[in-house]
Amino acid sequence: MEKLVIFDLDGTLLNTIADLGAAANHTLMELGLPQHTIEEYTLMVGNGMRKLIERALPEPQAASEEFVSNTLSMFLKYYADHIDIHTKPYPGIPELVSNLYRQGYKLGVASNKIQQGAERLVSTFFPGIEFSAVLGNSPQFPLKPDAAVVQHVMDRAGTDRAHTIMVGDSTTDIQTARNAGIPVVAVSWGFRPRHELTTADVIADTAQQVMDYISKTI
């Protein structure tokens, strides 16, 4: 049976927060609305782009579905053209992904990022690595923590729950893994504070610790 590692993208493989925040602030500026610090945006991401926009908007505007939809369209257009200006892999991540691939592990990405953005970032920052599936926010699957996206990655990789592990940086990722019935590593370098990650099977502070746990678990 193939062994599969499913990664979250934002906050796990890649530090994307500066580009997300810059795109959101550009959109808010265009609308004449208050902007936020990058640190504030770390608490707004993780549940899809629409939820990010809802959280970034002032309460009156966030209550209007039409306003949120229009703002989201503006945001996505700008973000698509500026998606990798400041984004970069976390320390040790390129080596971790490369090592897993060379050792024969199947690799997947399950993200709440827009599908095209997820695909572009993975191909940009992990060239030469074949992923069984890179799945983002699309009409085909509900957002995490629904387990459907994990099941689809497993199906594409030809593996089962006993040979699959998830790596993420948030309670959303932990709950996704729980819903899918697979173990989960929470990384401490992402967008959520450590105290929110205690329900994971293990918290990793380095890429090597992720590798060590994967090696002994599946």
C-alpha atoms as a PDB file:
ATOM      1  CA  MET A   1       0.000   0.000   0.000  1.00  0.00           C
ATOM      2  CA  GLU A   2       1.274   3.472  -0.912  1.00  0.00           C
ATOM      3  CA  LYS A   3       2.110   5.876   1.915  1.00  0.00           C
ATOM      4  CA  LEU A   4       0.668   9.382   1.616  1.00  0.00           C
ATOM      5  CA  VAL A   5       1.452  12.714   3.292  1.00  0.00           C
ATOM      6  CA  ILE A   6      -1.196  15.414   2.813  1.00  0.00           C
ATOM      7  CA  PHE A   7      -0.019  18.952   3.476  1.00  0.00           C
ATOM      8  CA  ASP A   8      -1.938  22.104   4.134  1.00  0.00           C
ATOM      9  CA  LEU A   9      -0.464  24.937   2.056  1.00  0.00           C
ATOM     10  CA  ASP A  10      -0.710  28.382   3.685  1.00  0.00           C
ATOM     11  CA  GLY A  11       1.089  28.459   7.022  1.00  0.00           C
ATOM     12  CA  THR A  12       2.416  24.917   6.598  1.00  0.00           C
ATOM     13  CA  LEU A  13       4.432  24.632   3.400  1.00  0.00           C
ATOM     14  CA  LEU A  14       4.497  28.309   2.460  1.00  0.00           C
ATOM     15  CA  ASN A  15       4.461  31.605   4.330  1.00  0.00           C
ATOM     16  CA  THR A  16       1.850  33.381   2.226  1.00  0.00           C
ATOM     17  CA  ILE A  17       0.544  35.882   4.753  1.00  0.00           C
ATOM     18  CA  ALA A  18       2.369  38.955   3.425  1.00  0.00           C
ATOM     19  CA  ASP A  19       0.904  38.552  -0.058  1.00  0.00           C
ATOM     20  CA  LEU A  20      -2.561  37.760   1.286  1.00  0.00           C
ATOM     21  CA  GLY A  21      -2.456  40.779   3.579  1.00  0.00           C
ATOM     22  CA  ALA A  22      -1.101  43.072   0.888  1.00  0.00           C
ATOM     23  CA  ALA A  23      -3.846  42.028  -1.524  1.00  0.00           C
ATOM     24  CA  ALA A  24      -6.539  42.482   1.108  1.00  0.00           C
ATOM     25  CA  ASN A  25      -5.191  45.895   2.109  1.00  0.00           C
ATOM     26  CA  HIS A  26      -4.973  46.999  -1.517  1.00  0.00           C
ATOM     27  CA  THR A  27      -8.628  46.052  -1.937  1.00  0.00           C
ATOM     28  CA  LEU A  28      -9.665  47.831   1.244  1.00  0.00           C
ATOM     29  CA  MET A  29      -7.705  50.914   0.178  1.00  0.00           C
ATOM     30  CA  GLU A  30      -9.502  50.944  -3.177  1.00  0.00           C
ATOM     31  CA  LEU A  31     -12.796  50.911  -1.287  1.00  0.00           C
ATOM     32  CA  GLY A  32     -11.711  53.602   1.166  1.00  0.00           C
ATOM     33  CA  LEU A  33     -11.980  51.226   4.118  1.00  0.00           C
ATOM     34  CA  PRO A  34      -9.640  50.682   7.092  1.00  0.00           C
ATOM     35  CA  GLN A  35      -6.706  48.347   6.564  1.00  0.00           C
ATOM     36  CA  HIS A  36      -5.090  45.794   8.894  1.00  0.00           C
ATOM     37  CA  THR A  37      -1.624  44.729   9.960  1.00  0.00           C
ATOM     38  CA  ILE A  38      -0.082  41.518   8.643  1.00  0.00           C
ATOM     39  CA  GLU A  39      -0.236  40.106  12.172  1.00  0.00           C
ATOM     40  CA  GLU A  40      -3.993  40.700  12.253  1.00  0.00           C
ATOM     41  CA  TYR A  41      -4.397  38.813   8.983  1.00  0.00           C
ATOM     42  CA  THR A  42      -2.892  35.683  10.511  1.00  0.00           C
ATOM     43  CA  LEU A  43      -6.095  35.374  12.546  1.00  0.00           C
ATOM     44  CA  MET A  44      -8.342  35.900   9.519  1.00  0.00           C
ATOM     45  CA  VAL A  45      -7.042  33.200   7.172  1.00  0.00           C
ATOM     46  CA  GLY A  46      -7.634  29.462   7.089  1.00  0.00           C
ATOM     47  CA  ASN A  47     -11.314  29.165   6.192  1.00  0.00           C
ATOM     48  CA  GLY A  48     -11.281  30.232   2.558  1.00  0.00           C
ATOM     49  CA  MET A  49     -10.942  33.544   0.754  1.00  0.00           C
ATOM     50  CA  ARG A  50     -14.533  34.643   1.243  1.00  0.00           C
ATOM     51  CA  LYS A  51     -14.240  34.249   4.995  1.00  0.00           C
ATOM     52  CA  LEU A  52     -10.981  36.237   4.895  1.00  0.00           C
ATOM     53  CA  ILE A  53     -12.776  39.106   3.172  1.00  0.00           C
ATOM     54  CA  GLU A  54     -15.698  38.948   5.602  1.00  0.00           C
ATOM     55  CA  ARG A  55     -13.300  39.209   8.517  1.00  0.00           C
ATOM     56  CA  ALA A  56     -11.312  42.041   6.944  1.00  0.00           C
ATOM     57  CA  LEU A  57     -14.352  44.199   6.193  1.00  0.00           C
ATOM     58  CA  PRO A  58     -16.014  46.468   8.757  1.00  0.00           C
ATOM     59  CA  GLU A  59     -19.144  44.924  10.236  1.00  0.00           C
ATOM     60  CA  PRO A  60     -21.745  46.820   8.167  1.00  0.00           C
ATOM     61  CA  GLN A  61     -20.105  45.859   4.867  1.00  0.00           C
ATOM     62  CA  ALA A  62     -19.389  42.302   6.016  1.00  0.00           C
ATOM     63  CA  ALA A  63     -23.101  41.820   6.652  1.00  0.00           C
ATOM     64  CA  SER A  64     -23.911  42.397   2.968  1.00  0.00           C
ATOM     65  CA  GLU A  65     -23.446  39.278   0.838  1.00  0.00           C
ATOM     66  CA  GLU A  66     -23.384  41.409  -2.300  1.00  0.00           C
ATOM     67  CA  PHE A  67     -20.694  43.704  -0.917  1.00  0.00           C
ATOM     68  CA  VAL A  68     -18.615  40.745   0.220  1.00  0.00           C
ATOM     69  CA  SER A  69     -18.934  39.112  -3.189  1.00  0.00           C
ATOM     70  CA  ASN A  70     -17.896  42.262  -5.023  1.00  0.00           C
ATOM     71  CA  THR A  71     -14.975  42.825  -2.651  1.00  0.00           C
ATOM     72  CA  LEU A  72     -13.887  39.206  -3.038  1.00  0.00           C
ATOM     73  CA  SER A  73     -13.806  39.603  -6.823  1.00  0.00           C
ATOM     74  CA  MET A  74     -11.600  42.679  -6.488  1.00  0.00           C
ATOM     75  CA  PHE A  75      -9.330  40.886  -4.052  1.00  0.00           C
ATOM     76  CA  LEU A  76      -8.954  37.768  -6.190  1.00  0.00           C
ATOM     77  CA  LYS A  77      -8.102  39.760  -9.295  1.00  0.00           C
ATOM     78  CA  TYR A  78      -5.315  41.631  -7.517  1.00  0.00           C
ATOM     79  CA  TYR A  79      -4.075  38.588  -5.605  1.00  0.00           C
ATOM     80  CA  ALA A  80      -3.811  36.503  -8.775  1.00  0.00           C
ATOM     81  CA  ASP A  81      -1.296  39.006 -10.160  1.00  0.00           C
ATOM     82  CA  HIS A  82       0.655  39.341  -6.898  1.00  0.00           C
ATOM     83  CA  ILE A  83       0.416  35.861  -5.411  1.00  0.00           C
ATOM     84  CA  ASP A  84       4.124  35.136  -5.027  1.00  0.00           C
ATOM     85  CA  ILE A  85       5.776  38.508  -4.451  1.00  0.00           C
ATOM     86  CA  HIS A  86       6.672  37.852  -0.821  1.00  0.00           C
ATOM     87  CA  THR A  87       5.609  34.205  -0.431  1.00  0.00           C
ATOM     88  CA  LYS A  88       8.325  31.677   0.359  1.00  0.00           C
ATOM     89  CA  PRO A  89       8.699  28.176   1.828  1.00  0.00           C
ATOM     90  CA  TYR A  90       9.306  27.835   5.537  1.00  0.00           C
ATOM     91  CA  PRO A  91      12.813  26.730   6.610  1.00  0.00           C
ATOM     92  CA  GLY A  92      13.508  23.090   5.823  1.00  0.00           C
ATOM     93  CA  ILE A  93      10.292  22.591   3.867  1.00  0.00           C
ATOM     94  CA  PRO A  94      11.819  22.182   0.363  1.00  0.00           C
ATOM     95  CA  GLU A  95      14.205  19.589   1.790  1.00  0.00           C
ATOM     96  CA  LEU A  96      11.384  17.807   3.642  1.00  0.00           C
ATOM     97  CA  VAL A  97       9.202  17.573   0.556  1.00  0.00           C
ATOM     98  CA  SER A  98      12.133  16.454  -1.597  1.00  0.00           C
ATOM     99  CA  ASN A  99      13.202  13.811   0.921  1.00  0.00           C
ATOM    100  CA  LEU A 100       9.697  12.385   1.207  1.00  0.00           C
ATOM    101  CA  TYR A 101       9.370  12.247  -2.553  1.00  0.00           C
ATOM    102  CA  ARG A 102      12.729  10.502  -2.993  1.00  0.00           C
ATOM    103  CA  GLN A 103      11.790   7.963  -0.328  1.00  0.00           C
ATOM    104  CA  GLY A 104       8.671   7.019  -2.258  1.00  0.00           C
ATOM    105  CA  TYR A 105       5.974   8.747  -0.257  1.00  0.00           C
ATOM    106  CA  LYS A 106       2.987   9.982  -2.204  1.00  0.00           C
ATOM    107  CA  LEU A 107       2.355  13.693  -1.639  1.00  0.00           C
ATOM    108  CA  GLY A 108      -0.817  15.737  -1.681  1.00  0.00           C
ATOM    109  CA  VAL A 109      -2.014  19.232  -0.842  1.00  0.00           C
ATOM    110  CA  ALA A 110      -5.409  19.967   0.693  1.00  0.00           C
ATOM    111  CA  SER A 111      -5.980  23.709   1.002  1.00  0.00           C
ATOM    112  CA  ASN A 112      -8.819  26.184   1.397  1.00  0.00           C
ATOM    113  CA  LYS A 113      -6.958  28.488  -1.004  1.00  0.00           C
ATOM    114  CA  ILE A 114      -8.475  29.062  -4.430  1.00  0.00           C
ATOM    115  CA  GLN A 115      -7.670  26.125  -6.719  1.00  0.00           C
ATOM    116  CA  GLN A 116      -5.673  28.041  -9.318  1.00  0.00           C
ATOM    117  CA  GLY A 117      -3.645  29.775  -6.634  1.00  0.00           C
ATOM    118  CA  ALA A 118      -2.817  26.517  -4.886  1.00  0.00           C
ATOM    119  CA  GLU A 119      -1.699  24.904  -8.135  1.00  0.00           C
ATOM    120  CA  ARG A 120       0.420  27.893  -9.118  1.00  0.00           C
ATOM    121  CA  LEU A 121       2.218  28.131  -5.790  1.00  0.00           C
ATOM    122  CA  VAL A 122       2.948  24.413  -5.581  1.00  0.00           C
ATOM    123  CA  SER A 123       4.358  24.316  -9.114  1.00  0.00           C
ATOM    124  CA  THR A 124       6.403  27.471  -8.479  1.00  0.00           C
ATOM    125  CA  PHE A 125       7.990  26.466  -5.188  1.00  0.00           C
ATOM    126  CA  PHE A 126       8.228  22.683  -5.608  1.00  0.00           C
ATOM    127  CA  PRO A 127       9.391  22.149  -9.182  1.00  0.00           C
ATOM    128  CA  GLY A 128      10.181  18.583 -10.128  1.00  0.00           C
ATOM    129  CA  ILE A 129       8.003  17.133  -7.364  1.00  0.00           C
ATOM    130  CA  GLU A 130       5.016  15.120  -8.535  1.00  0.00           C
ATOM    131  CA  PHE A 131       2.011  15.548  -6.253  1.00  0.00           C
ATOM    132  CA  SER A 132      -0.790  12.997  -6.421  1.00  0.00           C
ATOM    133  CA  ALA A 133      -3.262  15.842  -6.053  1.00  0.00           C
ATOM    134  CA  VAL A 134      -3.235  19.563  -5.286  1.00  0.00           C
ATOM    135  CA  LEU A 135      -6.722  20.481  -4.161  1.00  0.00           C
ATOM    136  CA  GLY A 136      -7.912  23.933  -3.194  1.00  0.00           C
ATOM    137  CA  ASN A 137     -11.230  25.716  -2.900  1.00  0.00           C
ATOM    138  CA  SER A 138     -13.405  24.668  -5.820  1.00  0.00           C
ATOM    139  CA  PRO A 139     -17.080  23.808  -6.416  1.00  0.00           C
ATOM    140  CA  GLN A 140     -16.129  20.129  -6.491  1.00  0.00           C
ATOM    141  CA  PHE A 141     -15.494  19.818  -2.745  1.00  0.00           C
ATOM    142  CA  PRO A 142     -16.606  21.581   0.448  1.00  0.00           C
ATOM    143  CA  LEU A 143     -13.965  23.468   2.387  1.00  0.00           C
ATOM    144  CA  LYS A 144     -11.950  21.872   5.167  1.00  0.00           C
ATOM    145  CA  PRO A 145     -12.653  20.680   7.839  1.00  0.00           C
ATOM    146  CA  ASP A 146     -14.938  18.542   5.678  1.00  0.00           C
ATOM    147  CA  ALA A 147     -13.004  15.340   4.977  1.00  0.00           C
ATOM    148  CA  ALA A 148     -14.077  14.996   1.341  1.00  0.00           C
ATOM    149  CA  VAL A 149     -10.929  16.667   0.039  1.00  0.00           C
ATOM    150  CA  VAL A 150      -8.724  14.292   2.058  1.00  0.00           C
ATOM    151  CA  GLN A 151     -10.628  11.275   0.790  1.00  0.00           C
ATOM    152  CA  HIS A 152     -10.178  12.428  -2.786  1.00  0.00           C
ATOM    153  CA  VAL A 153      -6.432  12.866  -2.334  1.00  0.00           C
ATOM    154  CA  MET A 154      -6.252   9.348  -0.883  1.00  0.00           C
ATOM    155  CA  ASP A 155      -8.208   8.002  -3.831  1.00  0.00           C
ATOM    156  CA  ARG A 156      -5.871   9.725  -6.272  1.00  0.00           C
ATOM    157  CA  ALA A 157      -2.811   8.371  -4.450  1.00  0.00           C
ATOM    158  CA  GLY A 158      -4.199   4.857  -4.184  1.00  0.00           C
ATOM    159  CA  THR A 159      -3.886   4.583  -0.437  1.00  0.00           C
ATOM    160  CA  ASP A 160      -6.025   4.271   2.685  1.00  0.00           C
ATOM    161  CA  ARG A 161      -6.391   5.849   6.123  1.00  0.00           C
ATOM    162  CA  ALA A 162      -3.886   3.515   7.740  1.00  0.00           C
ATOM    163  CA  HIS A 163      -1.158   4.766   5.414  1.00  0.00           C
ATOM    164  CA  THR A 164      -2.023   8.482   5.339  1.00  0.00           C
ATOM    165  CA  ILE A 165      -1.010  11.381   7.563  1.00  0.00           C
ATOM    166  CA  MET A 166      -1.872  15.090   7.464  1.00  0.00           C
ATOM    167  CA  VAL A 167       0.380  18.048   8.230  1.00  0.00           C
ATOM    168  CA  GLY A 168      -1.172  21.449   8.963  1.00  0.00           C
ATOM    169  CA  ASP A 169      -0.953  24.569  11.096  1.00  0.00           C
ATOM    170  CA  SER A 170      -4.468  25.136  12.387  1.00  0.00           C
ATOM    171  CA  THR A 171      -7.444  23.704  14.222  1.00  0.00           C
ATOM    172  CA  THR A 172      -9.123  23.462  10.811  1.00  0.00           C
ATOM    173  CA  ASP A 173      -6.429  21.039   9.663  1.00  0.00           C
ATOM    174  CA  ILE A 174      -6.599  19.072  12.902  1.00  0.00           C
ATOM    175  CA  GLN A 175     -10.368  18.731  12.625  1.00  0.00           C
ATOM    176  CA  THR A 176     -10.073  17.764   8.953  1.00  0.00           C
ATOM    177  CA  ALA A 177      -7.729  14.934   9.888  1.00  0.00           C
ATOM    178  CA  ARG A 178     -10.014  13.838  12.722  1.00  0.00           C
ATOM    179  CA  ASN A 179     -13.007  13.824  10.370  1.00  0.00           C
ATOM    180  CA  ALA A 180     -10.990  11.728   7.914  1.00  0.00           C
ATOM    181  CA  GLY A 181      -9.756   9.331  10.589  1.00  0.00           C
ATOM    182  CA  ILE A 182      -6.051   9.945  10.005  1.00  0.00           C
ATOM    183  CA  PRO A 183      -3.197  11.145  12.264  1.00  0.00           C
ATOM    184  CA  VAL A 184      -2.158  14.784  12.123  1.00  0.00           C
ATOM    185  CA  VAL A 185       1.016  16.754  12.755  1.00  0.00           C
ATOM    186  CA  ALA A 186       0.527  20.411  13.685  1.00  0.00           C
ATOM    187  CA  VAL A 187       3.430  22.725  12.833  1.00  0.00           C
ATOM    188  CA  SER A 188       4.202  25.552  15.225  1.00  0.00           C
ATOM    189  CA  TRP A 189       5.572  27.982  12.625  1.00  0.00           C
ATOM    190  CA  GLY A 190       2.237  28.719  10.942  1.00  0.00           C
ATOM    191  CA  PHE A 191      -0.559  31.217  11.424  1.00  0.00           C
ATOM    192  CA  ARG A 192      -2.004  29.941  14.696  1.00  0.00           C
ATOM    193  CA  PRO A 193      -0.577  30.072  18.250  1.00  0.00           C
ATOM    194  CA  ARG A 194       0.779  26.880  19.738  1.00  0.00           C
ATOM    195  CA  HIS A 195      -1.900  26.638  22.417  1.00  0.00           C
ATOM    196  CA  GLU A 196      -4.535  26.114  19.708  1.00  0.00           C
ATOM    197  CA  LEU A 197      -2.717  23.049  18.359  1.00  0.00           C
ATOM    198  CA  THR A 198      -2.691  20.815  21.425  1.00  0.00           C
ATOM    199  CA  THR A 199      -5.327  18.416  20.058  1.00  0.00           C
ATOM    200  CA  ALA A 200      -2.982  17.291  17.263  1.00  0.00           C
ATOM    201  CA  ASP A 201      -1.150  13.992  17.621  1.00  0.00           C
ATOM    202  CA  VAL A 202       2.102  15.918  17.821  1.00  0.00           C
ATOM    203  CA  ILE A 203       3.295  19.516  17.457  1.00  0.00           C
ATOM    204  CA  ALA A 204       6.418  19.908  15.330  1.00  0.00           C
ATOM    205  CA  ASP A 205       8.769  22.860  15.702  1.00  0.00           C
ATOM    206  CA  THR A 206      11.012  21.934  12.767  1.00  0.00           C
ATOM    207  CA  ALA A 207      10.711  20.209   9.422  1.00  0.00           C
ATOM    208  CA  GLN A 208      12.953  17.439  10.725  1.00  0.00           C
ATOM    209  CA  GLN A 209      10.491  16.724  13.524  1.00  0.00           C
ATOM    210  CA  VAL A 210       7.761  16.381  10.909  1.00  0.00           C
ATOM    211  CA  MET A 211       9.928  13.894   9.032  1.00  0.00           C
ATOM    212  CA  ASP A 212      10.677  11.925  12.184  1.00  0.00           C
ATOM    213  CA  TYR A 213       7.007  11.591  13.098  1.00  0.00           C
ATOM    214  CA  ILE A 214       5.975  10.579   9.585  1.00  0.00           C
ATOM    215  CA  SER A 215       8.703   7.939   9.451  1.00  0.00           C
ATOM    216  CA  LYS A 216       7.541   6.229  12.640  1.00  0.00           C
ATOM    217  CA  THR A 217       3.807   6.616  12.053  1.00  0.00           C
ATOM    218  CA  ILE A 218       3.096   5.405   8.522  1.00  0.00           C
END
